[in-house]
Amino acid sequence: MSRICELSGKGPMSGNLRSHAENKTRRVFNPNLCDVTLMSDTLGRSFKLRISAHALKSVEHRGGLDSFLLVARNDELSLRCRRVKRDIVKKKAEIGTVAAA
């Protein structure tokens, strides 16, 4: 599994470990990834995702998976999340046309 957040696109970063003697040693800063199951209100389904803790906070702040995906840019999302976003947009369009009729 790659260490990339499916919602925010966060990946590993590199930097230096600095000892007390100021020695520089390369290291990797990995994102804090969590395996979570998020529910889509529009689709009525749950999705298992591997996202960072920061993205999980953002999903809760925006009011759920649906509203997060509708605002998110496609280049940040994984292929699975782009498909879920597309399905949510289709479903909302169907509901909108049914309510207007």
PDB file of N, CA and C in Angstrom:
ATOM      1  N   MET A   1       0.831  -1.181   0.000  1.00  0.00           N
ATOM      2  CA  MET A   1       0.000   0.000   0.000  1.00  0.00           C
ATOM      3  C   MET A   1       0.876   1.245   0.000  1.00  0.00           C
ATOM      4  N   SER A   2       0.526   2.202  -0.825  1.00  0.00           N
ATOM      5  CA  SER A   2       1.290   3.443  -0.829  1.00  0.00           C
ATOM      6  C   SER A   2       0.879   4.312   0.353  1.00  0.00           C
ATOM      7  N   ARG A   3       1.795   5.121   0.806  1.00  0.00           N
ATOM      8  CA  ARG A   3       1.531   5.967   1.969  1.00  0.00           C
ATOM      9  C   ARG A   3       1.033   7.325   1.507  1.00  0.00           C
ATOM     10  N   ILE A   4      -0.115   7.329   0.837  1.00  0.00           N
ATOM     11  CA  ILE A   4      -0.700   8.564   0.325  1.00  0.00           C
ATOM     12  C   ILE A   4      -2.158   8.626   0.778  1.00  0.00           C
ATOM     13  N   CYS A   5      -2.562   9.785   1.275  1.00  0.00           N
ATOM     14  CA  CYS A   5      -3.937   9.998   1.715  1.00  0.00           C
ATOM     15  C   CYS A   5      -4.841  10.025   0.488  1.00  0.00           C
ATOM     16  N   GLU A   6      -5.975   9.306   0.561  1.00  0.00           N
ATOM     17  CA  GLU A   6      -6.874   9.229  -0.586  1.00  0.00           C
ATOM     18  C   GLU A   6      -7.679  10.500  -0.798  1.00  0.00           C
ATOM     19  N   LEU A   7      -7.849  11.318   0.232  1.00  0.00           N
ATOM     20  CA  LEU A   7      -8.646  12.534   0.097  1.00  0.00           C
ATOM     21  C   LEU A   7      -7.806  13.786  -0.138  1.00  0.00           C
ATOM     22  N   SER A   8      -6.712  13.923   0.579  1.00  0.00           N
ATOM     23  CA  SER A   8      -5.938  15.159   0.474  1.00  0.00           C
ATOM     24  C   SER A   8      -4.704  15.016  -0.413  1.00  0.00           C
ATOM     25  N   GLY A   9      -4.286  13.797  -0.723  1.00  0.00           N
ATOM     26  CA  GLY A   9      -3.106  13.592  -1.555  1.00  0.00           C
ATOM     27  C   GLY A   9      -1.797  13.749  -0.804  1.00  0.00           C
ATOM     28  N   LYS A  10      -1.849  13.853   0.530  1.00  0.00           N
ATOM     29  CA  LYS A  10      -0.623  13.986   1.313  1.00  0.00           C
ATOM     30  C   LYS A  10       0.208  12.720   1.189  1.00  0.00           C
ATOM     31  N   GLY A  11       1.516  12.901   1.012  1.00  0.00           N
ATOM     32  CA  GLY A  11       2.428  11.775   0.909  1.00  0.00           C
ATOM     33  C   GLY A  11       3.634  11.983   1.804  1.00  0.00           C
ATOM     34  N   PRO A  12       4.579  11.047   1.757  1.00  0.00           N
ATOM     35  CA  PRO A  12       5.782  11.186   2.580  1.00  0.00           C
ATOM     36  C   PRO A  12       6.623  12.391   2.145  1.00  0.00           C
ATOM     37  N   MET A  13       7.243  13.032   3.134  1.00  0.00           N
ATOM     38  CA  MET A  13       8.171  14.128   2.874  1.00  0.00           C
ATOM     39  C   MET A  13       9.525  13.737   3.449  1.00  0.00           C
ATOM     40  N   SER A  14      10.580  14.310   2.926  1.00  0.00           N
ATOM     41  CA  SER A  14      11.905  13.990   3.444  1.00  0.00           C
ATOM     42  C   SER A  14      12.503  15.213   4.124  1.00  0.00           C
ATOM     43  N   GLY A  15      13.408  14.946   5.037  1.00  0.00           N
ATOM     44  CA  GLY A  15      14.062  16.018   5.768  1.00  0.00           C
ATOM     45  C   GLY A  15      15.286  15.490   6.472  1.00  0.00           C
ATOM     46  N   ASN A  16      15.769  16.242   7.432  1.00  0.00           N
ATOM     47  CA  ASN A  16      16.965  15.863   8.164  1.00  0.00           C
ATOM     48  C   ASN A  16      16.654  15.620   9.629  1.00  0.00           C
ATOM     49  N   LEU A  17      17.306  14.590  10.199  1.00  0.00           N
ATOM     50  CA  LEU A  17      17.378  14.442  11.643  1.00  0.00           C
ATOM     51  C   LEU A  17      18.560  15.285  12.092  1.00  0.00           C
ATOM     52  N   ARG A  18      18.387  16.083  13.129  1.00  0.00           N
ATOM     53  CA  ARG A  18      19.490  16.897  13.624  1.00  0.00           C
ATOM     54  C   ARG A  18      19.791  16.476  15.050  1.00  0.00           C
ATOM     55  N   SER A  19      20.987  15.955  15.283  1.00  0.00           N
ATOM     56  CA  SER A  19      21.386  15.535  16.619  1.00  0.00           C
ATOM     57  C   SER A  19      21.869  16.749  17.415  1.00  0.00           C
ATOM     58  N   HIS A  20      22.201  16.516  18.666  1.00  0.00           N
ATOM     59  CA  HIS A  20      22.725  17.594  19.499  1.00  0.00           C
ATOM     60  C   HIS A  20      24.043  18.130  18.939  1.00  0.00           C
ATOM     61  N   ALA A  21      24.788  17.254  18.284  1.00  0.00           N
ATOM     62  CA  ALA A  21      26.054  17.656  17.674  1.00  0.00           C
ATOM     63  C   ALA A  21      25.851  18.251  16.278  1.00  0.00           C
ATOM     64  N   GLU A  22      24.569  18.481  15.906  1.00  0.00           N
ATOM     65  CA  GLU A  22      24.199  19.063  14.615  1.00  0.00           C
ATOM     66  C   GLU A  22      24.571  18.178  13.423  1.00  0.00           C
ATOM     67  N   ASN A  23      24.631  16.843  13.627  1.00  0.00           N
ATOM     68  CA  ASN A  23      24.818  15.932  12.501  1.00  0.00           C
ATOM     69  C   ASN A  23      23.529  15.885  11.698  1.00  0.00           C
ATOM     70  N   LYS A  24      23.683  15.835  10.381  1.00  0.00           N
ATOM     71  CA  LYS A  24      22.515  15.795   9.501  1.00  0.00           C
ATOM     72  C   LYS A  24      22.361  14.386   8.932  1.00  0.00           C
ATOM     73  N   THR A  25      21.224  13.744   9.203  1.00  0.00           N
ATOM     74  CA  THR A  25      20.931  12.419   8.687  1.00  0.00           C
ATOM     75  C   THR A  25      19.567  12.474   8.009  1.00  0.00           C
ATOM     76  N   ARG A  26      19.489  11.974   6.783  1.00  0.00           N
ATOM     77  CA  ARG A  26      18.219  12.022   6.046  1.00  0.00           C
ATOM     78  C   ARG A  26      17.198  11.103   6.699  1.00  0.00           C
ATOM     79  N   ARG A  27      15.933  11.541   6.693  1.00  0.00           N
ATOM     80  CA  ARG A  27      14.846  10.727   7.225  1.00  0.00           C
ATOM     81  C   ARG A  27      13.580  11.026   6.439  1.00  0.00           C
ATOM     82  N   VAL A  28      12.527  10.242   6.703  1.00  0.00           N
ATOM     83  CA  VAL A  28      11.251  10.389   6.009  1.00  0.00           C
ATOM     84  C   VAL A  28      10.175  10.731   7.031  1.00  0.00           C
ATOM     85  N   PHE A  29       9.372  11.751   6.711  1.00  0.00           N
ATOM     86  CA  PHE A  29       8.221  12.110   7.522  1.00  0.00           C
ATOM     87  C   PHE A  29       6.984  11.535   6.825  1.00  0.00           C
ATOM     88  N   ASN A  30       6.399  10.479   7.399  1.00  0.00           N
ATOM     89  CA  ASN A  30       5.217   9.857   6.813  1.00  0.00           C
ATOM     90  C   ASN A  30       3.951  10.517   7.351  1.00  0.00           C
ATOM     91  N   PRO A  31       2.897  10.609   6.527  1.00  0.00           N
ATOM     92  CA  PRO A  31       1.637  11.166   7.028  1.00  0.00           C
ATOM     93  C   PRO A  31       0.981  10.199   8.003  1.00  0.00           C
ATOM     94  N   ASN A  32       0.180  10.734   8.907  1.00  0.00           N
ATOM     95  CA  ASN A  32      -0.523   9.937   9.900  1.00  0.00           C
ATOM     96  C   ASN A  32      -1.783   9.355   9.260  1.00  0.00           C
ATOM     97  N   LEU A  33      -1.653   8.175   8.645  1.00  0.00           N
ATOM     98  CA  LEU A  33      -2.774   7.567   7.918  1.00  0.00           C
ATOM     99  C   LEU A  33      -3.618   6.698   8.834  1.00  0.00           C
ATOM    100  N   CYS A  34      -4.942   6.784   8.653  1.00  0.00           N
ATOM    101  CA  CYS A  34      -5.893   6.011   9.440  1.00  0.00           C
ATOM    102  C   CYS A  34      -6.818   5.269   8.475  1.00  0.00           C
ATOM    103  N   ASP A  35      -7.134   4.027   8.798  1.00  0.00           N
ATOM    104  CA  ASP A  35      -8.132   3.280   8.028  1.00  0.00           C
ATOM    105  C   ASP A  35      -9.498   3.576   8.638  1.00  0.00           C
ATOM    106  N   VAL A  36     -10.358   4.248   7.873  1.00  0.00           N
ATOM    107  CA  VAL A  36     -11.663   4.649   8.387  1.00  0.00           C
ATOM    108  C   VAL A  36     -12.760   4.231   7.412  1.00  0.00           C
ATOM    109  N   THR A  37     -13.962   4.138   7.928  1.00  0.00           N
ATOM    110  CA  THR A  37     -15.136   3.900   7.109  1.00  0.00           C
ATOM    111  C   THR A  37     -16.017   5.131   7.203  1.00  0.00           C
ATOM    112  N   LEU A  38     -16.242   5.784   6.067  1.00  0.00           N
ATOM    113  CA  LEU A  38     -17.050   6.995   6.028  1.00  0.00           C
ATOM    114  C   LEU A  38     -18.347   6.722   5.289  1.00  0.00           C
ATOM    115  N   MET A  39     -19.421   7.329   5.759  1.00  0.00           N
ATOM    116  CA  MET A  39     -20.756   7.117   5.200  1.00  0.00           C
ATOM    117  C   MET A  39     -21.113   8.267   4.264  1.00  0.00           C
ATOM    118  N   SER A  40     -21.648   7.917   3.113  1.00  0.00           N
ATOM    119  CA  SER A  40     -22.164   8.912   2.179  1.00  0.00           C
ATOM    120  C   SER A  40     -23.669   9.004   2.389  1.00  0.00           C
ATOM    121  N   ASP A  41     -24.144  10.201   2.747  1.00  0.00           N
ATOM    122  CA  ASP A  41     -25.571  10.390   2.990  1.00  0.00           C
ATOM    123  C   ASP A  41     -26.374  10.320   1.698  1.00  0.00           C
ATOM    124  N   THR A  42     -25.826  10.862   0.629  1.00  0.00           N
ATOM    125  CA  THR A  42     -26.535  10.896  -0.652  1.00  0.00           C
ATOM    126  C   THR A  42     -26.689   9.501  -1.239  1.00  0.00           C
ATOM    127  N   LEU A  43     -25.603   8.723  -1.219  1.00  0.00           N
ATOM    128  CA  LEU A  43     -25.631   7.392  -1.821  1.00  0.00           C
ATOM    129  C   LEU A  43     -26.168   6.332  -0.863  1.00  0.00           C
ATOM    130  N   GLY A  44     -26.134   6.612   0.433  1.00  0.00           N
ATOM    131  CA  GLY A  44     -26.589   5.632   1.423  1.00  0.00           C
ATOM    132  C   GLY A  44     -25.654   4.447   1.552  1.00  0.00           C
ATOM    133  N   ARG A  45     -24.375   4.653   1.274  1.00  0.00           N
ATOM    134  CA  ARG A  45     -23.373   3.594   1.342  1.00  0.00           C
ATOM    135  C   ARG A  45     -22.207   4.058   2.196  1.00  0.00           C
ATOM    136  N   SER A  46     -21.432   3.100   2.675  1.00  0.00           N
ATOM    137  CA  SER A  46     -20.220   3.431   3.406  1.00  0.00           C
ATOM    138  C   SER A  46     -19.015   3.022   2.563  1.00  0.00           C
ATOM    139  N   PHE A  47     -17.919   3.751   2.752  1.00  0.00           N
ATOM    140  CA  PHE A  47     -16.703   3.528   1.986  1.00  0.00           C
ATOM    141  C   PHE A  47     -15.524   3.413   2.937  1.00  0.00           C
ATOM    142  N   LYS A  48     -14.682   2.387   2.730  1.00  0.00           N
ATOM    143  CA  LYS A  48     -13.462   2.236   3.508  1.00  0.00           C
ATOM    144  C   LYS A  48     -12.359   3.006   2.807  1.00  0.00           C
ATOM    145  N   LEU A  49     -11.759   3.947   3.527  1.00  0.00           N
ATOM    146  CA  LEU A  49     -10.725   4.789   2.954  1.00  0.00           C
ATOM    147  C   LEU A  49      -9.510   4.810   3.868  1.00  0.00           C
ATOM    148  N   ARG A  50      -8.356   5.104   3.291  1.00  0.00           N
ATOM    149  CA  ARG A  50      -7.123   5.280   4.064  1.00  0.00           C
ATOM    150  C   ARG A  50      -6.743   6.750   3.937  1.00  0.00           C
ATOM    151  N   ILE A  51      -7.059   7.515   4.984  1.00  0.00           N
ATOM    152  CA  ILE A  51      -6.875   8.957   4.922  1.00  0.00           C
ATOM    153  C   ILE A  51      -6.035   9.432   6.103  1.00  0.00           C
ATOM    154  N   SER A  52      -5.498  10.624   5.976  1.00  0.00           N
ATOM    155  CA  SER A  52      -4.703  11.200   7.057  1.00  0.00           C
ATOM    156  C   SER A  52      -5.629  11.722   8.148  1.00  0.00           C
ATOM    157  N   ALA A  53      -5.077  11.862   9.339  1.00  0.00           N
ATOM    158  CA  ALA A  53      -5.855  12.384  10.465  1.00  0.00           C
ATOM    159  C   ALA A  53      -6.306  13.814  10.176  1.00  0.00           C
ATOM    160  N   HIS A  54      -5.491  14.583   9.480  1.00  0.00           N
ATOM    161  CA  HIS A  54      -5.852  15.951   9.121  1.00  0.00           C
ATOM    162  C   HIS A  54      -7.055  15.961   8.179  1.00  0.00           C
ATOM    163  N   ALA A  55      -7.076  15.059   7.206  1.00  0.00           N
ATOM    164  CA  ALA A  55      -8.204  14.985   6.279  1.00  0.00           C
ATOM    165  C   ALA A  55      -9.476  14.537   6.999  1.00  0.00           C
ATOM    166  N   LEU A  56      -9.343  13.645   7.975  1.00  0.00           N
ATOM    167  CA  LEU A  56     -10.497  13.200   8.748  1.00  0.00           C
ATOM    168  C   LEU A  56     -11.123  14.377   9.503  1.00  0.00           C
ATOM    169  N   LYS A  57     -10.271  15.225  10.085  1.00  0.00           N
ATOM    170  CA  LYS A  57     -10.774  16.427  10.754  1.00  0.00           C
ATOM    171  C   LYS A  57     -11.487  17.341   9.757  1.00  0.00           C
ATOM    172  N   SER A  58     -10.934  17.460   8.560  1.00  0.00           N
ATOM    173  CA  SER A  58     -11.529  18.329   7.543  1.00  0.00           C
ATOM    174  C   SER A  58     -12.882  17.801   7.092  1.00  0.00           C
ATOM    175  N   VAL A  59     -13.010  16.478   6.966  1.00  0.00           N
ATOM    176  CA  VAL A  59     -14.287  15.869   6.585  1.00  0.00           C
ATOM    177  C   VAL A  59     -15.339  16.176   7.644  1.00  0.00           C
ATOM    178  N   GLU A  60     -14.966  16.020   8.912  1.00  0.00           N
ATOM    179  CA  GLU A  60     -15.913  16.308   9.990  1.00  0.00           C
ATOM    180  C   GLU A  60     -16.261  17.791  10.034  1.00  0.00           C
ATOM    181  N   HIS A  61     -15.281  18.653   9.774  1.00  0.00           N
ATOM    182  CA  HIS A  61     -15.509  20.092   9.821  1.00  0.00           C
ATOM    183  C   HIS A  61     -16.463  20.544   8.713  1.00  0.00           C
ATOM    184  N   ARG A  62     -16.326  19.955   7.532  1.00  0.00           N
ATOM    185  CA  ARG A  62     -17.170  20.343   6.397  1.00  0.00           C
ATOM    186  C   ARG A  62     -18.546  19.706   6.435  1.00  0.00           C
ATOM    187  N   GLY A  63     -18.754  18.755   7.332  1.00  0.00           N
ATOM    188  CA  GLY A  63     -20.094  18.211   7.485  1.00  0.00           C
ATOM    189  C   GLY A  63     -20.323  16.873   6.814  1.00  0.00           C
ATOM    190  N   GLY A  64     -19.284  16.102   6.570  1.00  0.00           N
ATOM    191  CA  GLY A  64     -19.453  14.762   6.026  1.00  0.00           C
ATOM    192  C   GLY A  64     -18.704  14.551   4.730  1.00  0.00           C
ATOM    193  N   LEU A  65     -18.705  13.305   4.300  1.00  0.00           N
ATOM    194  CA  LEU A  65     -17.957  12.913   3.104  1.00  0.00           C
ATOM    195  C   LEU A  65     -18.490  13.599   1.849  1.00  0.00           C
ATOM    196  N   ASP A  66     -19.807  13.688   1.716  1.00  0.00           N
ATOM    197  CA  ASP A  66     -20.397  14.263   0.498  1.00  0.00           C
ATOM    198  C   ASP A  66     -19.971  15.713   0.294  1.00  0.00           C
ATOM    199  N   SER A  67     -20.112  16.507   1.325  1.00  0.00           N
ATOM    200  CA  SER A  67     -19.768  17.927   1.189  1.00  0.00           C
ATOM    201  C   SER A  67     -18.263  18.114   1.005  1.00  0.00           C
ATOM    202  N   PHE A  68     -17.446  17.255   1.615  1.00  0.00           N
ATOM    203  CA  PHE A  68     -15.994  17.344   1.428  1.00  0.00           C
ATOM    204  C   PHE A  68     -15.629  17.055  -0.022  1.00  0.00           C
ATOM    205  N   LEU A  69     -16.188  15.985  -0.587  1.00  0.00           N
ATOM    206  CA  LEU A  69     -15.838  15.598  -1.950  1.00  0.00           C
ATOM    207  C   LEU A  69     -16.320  16.618  -2.976  1.00  0.00           C
ATOM    208  N   LEU A  70     -17.479  17.242  -2.746  1.00  0.00           N
ATOM    209  CA  LEU A  70     -17.996  18.218  -3.700  1.00  0.00           C
ATOM    210  C   LEU A  70     -17.100  19.453  -3.787  1.00  0.00           C
ATOM    211  N   VAL A  71     -16.415  19.794  -2.693  1.00  0.00           N
ATOM    212  CA  VAL A  71     -15.541  20.968  -2.681  1.00  0.00           C
ATOM    213  C   VAL A  71     -14.122  20.617  -3.124  1.00  0.00           C
ATOM    214  N   ALA A  72     -13.697  19.358  -2.937  1.00  0.00           N
ATOM    215  CA  ALA A  72     -12.308  18.951  -3.198  1.00  0.00           C
ATOM    216  C   ALA A  72     -11.977  18.986  -4.688  1.00  0.00           C
ATOM    217  N   ARG A  73     -10.700  19.297  -4.984  1.00  0.00           N
ATOM    218  CA  ARG A  73     -10.229  19.275  -6.366  1.00  0.00           C
ATOM    219  C   ARG A  73      -9.936  17.841  -6.788  1.00  0.00           C
ATOM    220  N   ASN A  74     -10.173  17.528  -8.045  1.00  0.00           N
ATOM    221  CA  ASN A  74     -10.000  16.163  -8.533  1.00  0.00           C
ATOM    222  C   ASN A  74      -8.547  15.711  -8.532  1.00  0.00           C
ATOM    223  N   ASP A  75      -7.592  16.623  -8.714  1.00  0.00           N
ATOM    224  CA  ASP A  75      -6.192  16.208  -8.768  1.00  0.00           C
ATOM    225  C   ASP A  75      -5.666  15.779  -7.402  1.00  0.00           C
ATOM    226  N   GLU A  76      -6.349  16.163  -6.309  1.00  0.00           N
ATOM    227  CA  GLU A  76      -5.948  15.722  -4.971  1.00  0.00           C
ATOM    228  C   GLU A  76      -6.514  14.345  -4.639  1.00  0.00           C
ATOM    229  N   LEU A  77      -7.648  13.995  -5.225  1.00  0.00           N
ATOM    230  CA  LEU A  77      -8.361  12.766  -4.862  1.00  0.00           C
ATOM    231  C   LEU A  77      -7.786  11.549  -5.563  1.00  0.00           C
ATOM    232  N   SER A  78      -7.934  10.390  -4.920  1.00  0.00           N
ATOM    233  CA  SER A  78      -7.552   9.138  -5.555  1.00  0.00           C
ATOM    234  C   SER A  78      -8.612   8.757  -6.592  1.00  0.00           C
ATOM    235  N   LEU A  79      -8.329   7.760  -7.388  1.00  0.00           N
ATOM    236  CA  LEU A  79      -9.261   7.327  -8.422  1.00  0.00           C
ATOM    237  C   LEU A  79     -10.576   6.859  -7.816  1.00  0.00           C
ATOM    238  N   ARG A  80     -10.511   6.109  -6.713  1.00  0.00           N
ATOM    239  CA  ARG A  80     -11.732   5.640  -6.037  1.00  0.00           C
ATOM    240  C   ARG A  80     -12.590   6.807  -5.565  1.00  0.00           C
ATOM    241  N   CYS A  81     -11.943   7.807  -4.994  1.00  0.00           N
ATOM    242  CA  CYS A  81     -12.688   8.957  -4.471  1.00  0.00           C
ATOM    243  C   CYS A  81     -13.281   9.788  -5.597  1.00  0.00           C
ATOM    244  N   ARG A  82     -12.577   9.868  -6.734  1.00  0.00           N
ATOM    245  CA  ARG A  82     -13.143  10.585  -7.884  1.00  0.00           C
ATOM    246  C   ARG A  82     -14.396   9.895  -8.396  1.00  0.00           C
ATOM    247  N   ARG A  83     -14.391   8.558  -8.377  1.00  0.00           N
ATOM    248  CA  ARG A  83     -15.585   7.813  -8.802  1.00  0.00           C
ATOM    249  C   ARG A  83     -16.750   8.042  -7.840  1.00  0.00           C
ATOM    250  N   VAL A  84     -16.451   8.053  -6.531  1.00  0.00           N
ATOM    251  CA  VAL A  84     -17.487   8.307  -5.531  1.00  0.00           C
ATOM    252  C   VAL A  84     -18.046   9.715  -5.721  1.00  0.00           C
ATOM    253  N   LYS A  85     -17.161  10.681  -5.962  1.00  0.00           N
ATOM    254  CA  LYS A  85     -17.593  12.058  -6.188  1.00  0.00           C
ATOM    255  C   LYS A  85     -18.507  12.143  -7.406  1.00  0.00           C
ATOM    256  N   ARG A  86     -18.140  11.460  -8.480  1.00  0.00           N
ATOM    257  CA  ARG A  86     -18.956  11.460  -9.690  1.00  0.00           C
ATOM    258  C   ARG A  86     -20.338  10.875  -9.419  1.00  0.00           C
ATOM    259  N   ASP A  87     -20.390   9.777  -8.648  1.00  0.00           N
ATOM    260  CA  ASP A  87     -21.677   9.166  -8.311  1.00  0.00           C
ATOM    261  C   ASP A  87     -22.529  10.092  -7.453  1.00  0.00           C
ATOM    262  N   ILE A  88     -21.907  10.827  -6.537  1.00  0.00           N
ATOM    263  CA  ILE A  88     -22.643  11.762  -5.681  1.00  0.00           C
ATOM    264  C   ILE A  88     -23.228  12.889  -6.517  1.00  0.00           C
ATOM    265  N   VAL A  89     -22.440  13.409  -7.460  1.00  0.00           N
ATOM    266  CA  VAL A  89     -22.928  14.491  -8.323  1.00  0.00           C
ATOM    267  C   VAL A  89     -24.101  14.002  -9.167  1.00  0.00           C
ATOM    268  N   LYS A  90     -24.006  12.791  -9.721  1.00  0.00           N
ATOM    269  CA  LYS A  90     -25.106  12.224 -10.515  1.00  0.00           C
ATOM    270  C   LYS A  90     -26.366  12.070  -9.681  1.00  0.00           C
ATOM    271  N   LYS A  91     -26.207  11.522  -8.472  1.00  0.00           N
ATOM    272  CA  LYS A  91     -27.357  11.296  -7.604  1.00  0.00           C
ATOM    273  C   LYS A  91     -28.026  12.604  -7.191  1.00  0.00           C
ATOM    274  N   LYS A  92     -27.213  13.620  -6.881  1.00  0.00           N
ATOM    275  CA  LYS A  92     -27.770  14.924  -6.505  1.00  0.00           C
ATOM    276  C   LYS A  92     -28.499  15.545  -7.704  1.00  0.00           C
ATOM    277  N   ALA A  93     -27.980  15.339  -8.915  1.00  0.00           N
ATOM    278  CA  ALA A  93     -28.661  15.865 -10.103  1.00  0.00           C
ATOM    279  C   ALA A  93     -29.997  15.171 -10.312  1.00  0.00           C
ATOM    280  N   GLU A  94     -30.044  13.841 -10.078  1.00  0.00           N
ATOM    281  CA  GLU A  94     -31.306  13.114 -10.204  1.00  0.00           C
ATOM    282  C   GLU A  94     -32.325  13.605  -9.177  1.00  0.00           C
ATOM    283  N   ILE A  95     -31.865  13.782  -7.950  1.00  0.00           N
ATOM    284  CA  ILE A  95     -32.765  14.250  -6.891  1.00  0.00           C
ATOM    285  C   ILE A  95     -33.263  15.652  -7.208  1.00  0.00           C
ATOM    286  N   GLY A  96     -32.383  16.484  -7.758  1.00  0.00           N
ATOM    287  CA  GLY A  96     -32.773  17.849  -8.127  1.00  0.00           C
ATOM    288  C   GLY A  96     -33.814  17.871  -9.217  1.00  0.00           C
ATOM    289  N   THR A  97     -33.687  16.985 -10.212  1.00  0.00           N
ATOM    290  CA  THR A  97     -34.660  16.956 -11.304  1.00  0.00           C
ATOM    291  C   THR A  97     -35.990  16.363 -10.827  1.00  0.00           C
ATOM    292  N   VAL A  98     -35.941  15.413  -9.920  1.00  0.00           N
ATOM    293  CA  VAL A  98     -37.171  14.825  -9.388  1.00  0.00           C
ATOM    294  C   VAL A  98     -37.917  15.855  -8.538  1.00  0.00           C
ATOM    295  N   ALA A  99     -37.187  16.613  -7.739  1.00  0.00           N
ATOM    296  CA  ALA A  99     -37.817  17.614  -6.877  1.00  0.00           C
ATOM    297  C   ALA A  99     -38.392  18.754  -7.711  1.00  0.00           C
ATOM    298  N   ALA A 100     -37.738  19.084  -8.840  1.00  0.00           N
ATOM    299  CA  ALA A 100     -38.229  20.175  -9.683  1.00  0.00           C
ATOM    300  C   ALA A 100     -39.473  19.755 -10.463  1.00  0.00           C
ATOM    301  N   ALA A 101     -39.627  18.469 -10.737  1.00  0.00           N
ATOM    302  CA  ALA A 101     -40.754  17.999 -11.557  1.00  0.00           C
ATOM    303  C   ALA A 101     -42.051  17.936 -10.799  1.00  0.00           C
TER     304      ALA A 101
END
